[in-house]
C-alpha atoms as a PDB file:
ATOM      1  CA  MET A   1       0.000   0.000   0.000  1.00  0.00           C
ATOM      2  CA  GLU A   2       1.280   3.428  -0.962  1.00  0.00           C
ATOM      3  CA  SER A   3       2.148   5.719   1.960  1.00  0.00           C
ATOM      4  CA  THR A   4       0.884   9.296   2.117  1.00  0.00           C
ATOM      5  CA  LYS A   5       4.450  10.519   1.550  1.00  0.00           C
ATOM      6  CA  GLU A   6       4.638   8.415  -1.609  1.00  0.00           C
ATOM      7  CA  LYS A   7       1.252   9.739  -2.757  1.00  0.00           C
ATOM      8  CA  ILE A   8       2.435  13.315  -2.270  1.00  0.00           C
ATOM      9  CA  GLU A   9       5.616  12.585  -4.232  1.00  0.00           C
ATOM     10  CA  LYS A  10       3.684  10.917  -7.054  1.00  0.00           C
ATOM     11  CA  ILE A  11       1.150  13.731  -7.376  1.00  0.00           C
ATOM     12  CA  LEU A  12       3.830  16.417  -7.324  1.00  0.00           C
ATOM     13  CA  GLN A  13       5.983  14.536  -9.859  1.00  0.00           C
ATOM     14  CA  GLU A  14       3.006  14.189 -12.207  1.00  0.00           C
ATOM     15  CA  SER A  15       1.748  17.744 -11.707  1.00  0.00           C
ATOM     16  CA  PHE A  16       5.000  19.694 -11.774  1.00  0.00           C
ATOM     17  CA  ALA A  17       7.766  17.568 -13.358  1.00  0.00           C
ATOM     18  CA  PRO A  18      10.109  19.060 -10.750  1.00  0.00           C
ATOM     19  CA  ASN A  19      13.823  19.624 -11.177  1.00  0.00           C
ATOM     20  CA  PHE A  20      14.108  18.863  -7.463  1.00  0.00           C
ATOM     21  CA  LEU A  21      11.617  17.385  -5.002  1.00  0.00           C
ATOM     22  CA  GLU A  22      12.031  16.499  -1.364  1.00  0.00           C
ATOM     23  CA  VAL A  23       9.164  15.374   0.865  1.00  0.00           C
ATOM     24  CA  HIS A  24       9.670  14.825   4.578  1.00  0.00           C
ATOM     25  CA  ASP A  25       7.141  13.089   6.792  1.00  0.00           C
ATOM     26  CA  ASP A  26       7.318  15.126   9.977  1.00  0.00           C
ATOM     27  CA  SER A  27       4.353  13.360  11.567  1.00  0.00           C
ATOM     28  CA  GLY A  28       6.307  11.693  14.370  1.00  0.00           C
ATOM     29  CA  ARG A  29       7.098  15.066  15.909  1.00  0.00           C
ATOM     30  CA  HIS A  30       3.380  15.842  16.098  1.00  0.00           C
ATOM     31  CA  ALA A  31       1.999  12.636  17.585  1.00  0.00           C
ATOM     32  CA  GLY A  32      -1.018  13.371  19.733  1.00  0.00           C
ATOM     33  CA  HIS A  33      -1.555  16.796  18.138  1.00  0.00           C
ATOM     34  CA  THR A  34      -5.229  17.486  17.453  1.00  0.00           C
ATOM     35  CA  GLY A  35      -5.981  16.442  13.907  1.00  0.00           C
ATOM     36  CA  ALA A  36      -2.726  14.529  13.527  1.00  0.00           C
ATOM     37  CA  ARG A  37      -4.586  11.198  13.429  1.00  0.00           C
ATOM     38  CA  GLY A  38      -2.285   9.191  15.631  1.00  0.00           C
ATOM     39  CA  GLY A  39       0.894  10.930  14.521  1.00  0.00           C
ATOM     40  CA  GLY A  40       0.149  11.216  10.795  1.00  0.00           C
ATOM     41  CA  GLY A  41      -0.433  14.109   8.540  1.00  0.00           C
ATOM     42  CA  HIS A  42       2.453  16.596   8.900  1.00  0.00           C
ATOM     43  CA  TYR A  43       4.703  17.023   5.863  1.00  0.00           C
ATOM     44  CA  GLN A  44       7.416  19.347   4.596  1.00  0.00           C
ATOM     45  CA  VAL A  45       7.959  19.812   0.859  1.00  0.00           C
ATOM     46  CA  ILE A  46      10.749  21.471  -1.102  1.00  0.00           C
ATOM     47  CA  ILE A  47       9.930  21.629  -4.803  1.00  0.00           C
ATOM     48  CA  VAL A  48      11.604  23.287  -7.789  1.00  0.00           C
ATOM     49  CA  SER A  49       9.593  23.490 -11.004  1.00  0.00           C
ATOM     50  CA  SER A  50       9.501  25.576 -14.147  1.00  0.00           C
ATOM     51  CA  LYS A  51       5.733  25.779 -13.621  1.00  0.00           C
ATOM     52  CA  PHE A  52       6.493  28.304 -10.866  1.00  0.00           C
ATOM     53  CA  LYS A  53       8.273  30.691 -13.227  1.00  0.00           C
ATOM     54  CA  ASP A  54       6.828  34.219 -13.036  1.00  0.00           C
ATOM     55  CA  LYS A  55       4.463  33.180 -10.224  1.00  0.00           C
ATOM     56  CA  THR A  56       4.340  34.828  -6.819  1.00  0.00           C
ATOM     57  CA  LEU A  57       5.046  32.714  -3.760  1.00  0.00           C
ATOM     58  CA  ILE A  58       1.332  32.650  -2.950  1.00  0.00           C
ATOM     59  CA  GLU A  59       0.511  31.510  -6.485  1.00  0.00           C
ATOM     60  CA  GLN A  60       3.137  28.758  -6.251  1.00  0.00           C
ATOM     61  CA  HIS A  61       1.722  27.532  -2.946  1.00  0.00           C
ATOM     62  CA  ARG A  62      -1.827  27.619  -4.293  1.00  0.00           C
ATOM     63  CA  LEU A  63      -0.786  25.439  -7.234  1.00  0.00           C
ATOM     64  CA  VAL A  64       0.732  22.849  -4.888  1.00  0.00           C
ATOM     65  CA  ASN A  65      -2.211  22.947  -2.481  1.00  0.00           C
ATOM     66  CA  GLU A  66      -4.652  22.550  -5.373  1.00  0.00           C
ATOM     67  CA  SER A  67      -2.783  19.498  -6.664  1.00  0.00           C
ATOM     68  CA  LEU A  68      -2.906  17.873  -3.213  1.00  0.00           C
ATOM     69  CA  LYS A  69      -6.432  18.966  -2.235  1.00  0.00           C
ATOM     70  CA  ASN A  70      -7.840  15.425  -2.110  1.00  0.00           C
ATOM     71  CA  LEU A  71      -5.220  14.414   0.475  1.00  0.00           C
ATOM     72  CA  PHE A  72      -6.158  17.257   2.814  1.00  0.00           C
ATOM     73  CA  LYS A  73      -9.513  15.638   3.519  1.00  0.00           C
ATOM     74  CA  GLU A  74      -8.046  12.640   5.354  1.00  0.00           C
ATOM     75  CA  LYS A  75      -4.296  12.191   4.927  1.00  0.00           C
ATOM     76  CA  VAL A  76      -2.641  15.608   5.382  1.00  0.00           C
ATOM     77  CA  HIS A  77      -3.151  17.802   8.420  1.00  0.00           C
ATOM     78  CA  ALA A  78      -0.265  20.237   7.881  1.00  0.00           C
ATOM     79  CA  LEU A  79       1.944  21.021   4.889  1.00  0.00           C
ATOM     80  CA  ALA A  80       5.026  23.245   5.036  1.00  0.00           C
ATOM     81  CA  LEU A  81       6.063  24.397   1.558  1.00  0.00           C
ATOM     82  CA  LYS A  82       9.234  25.775   0.044  1.00  0.00           C
ATOM     83  CA  THR A  83       8.584  26.376  -3.640  1.00  0.00           C
ATOM     84  CA  TYR A  84      10.996  27.718  -6.236  1.00  0.00           C
ATOM     85  CA  SER A  85      11.269  28.241  -9.954  1.00  0.00           C
ATOM     86  CA  PRO A  86      14.620  26.951 -11.290  1.00  0.00           C
ATOM     87  CA  GLU A  87      15.893  30.550 -11.413  1.00  0.00           C
ATOM     88  CA  GLN A  88      14.838  31.198  -7.811  1.00  0.00           C
ATOM     89  CA  TRP A  89      16.447  27.926  -6.749  1.00  0.00           C
ATOM     90  CA  ASP A  90      19.729  28.841  -8.457  1.00  0.00           C
ATOM     91  CA  SER A  91      19.741  32.262  -6.772  1.00  0.00           C
ATOM     92  CA  HIS A  92      18.821  30.724  -3.417  1.00  0.00           C
ATOM     93  CA  ASN A  93      21.691  28.228  -3.589  1.00  0.00           C
ATOM     94  CA  LYS A  94      24.499  30.535  -4.750  1.00  0.00           C
ATOM     95  CA  TYR A  95      27.412  30.714  -2.335  1.00  0.00           C
END
């Protein structure tokens, strides 16, 4: 059976063809939290996609939230997002 983390990864891969994608299941740190469903439901996502080019941060987050909307009903309680276009990612990672 596919885990929620795997479902998130699959949906984001299909929706955004990302240059970079990292999904962390942070649920263990929130066990017992109201709505966490026995420790599940908290995720962190870093995603880099050309579909974010020329979009504001809010627009980028809305696109991701829209793609995952069916998981919010039962599987995802909290989602922390870091979204970047490839250009933003390159600028963010220059040292």
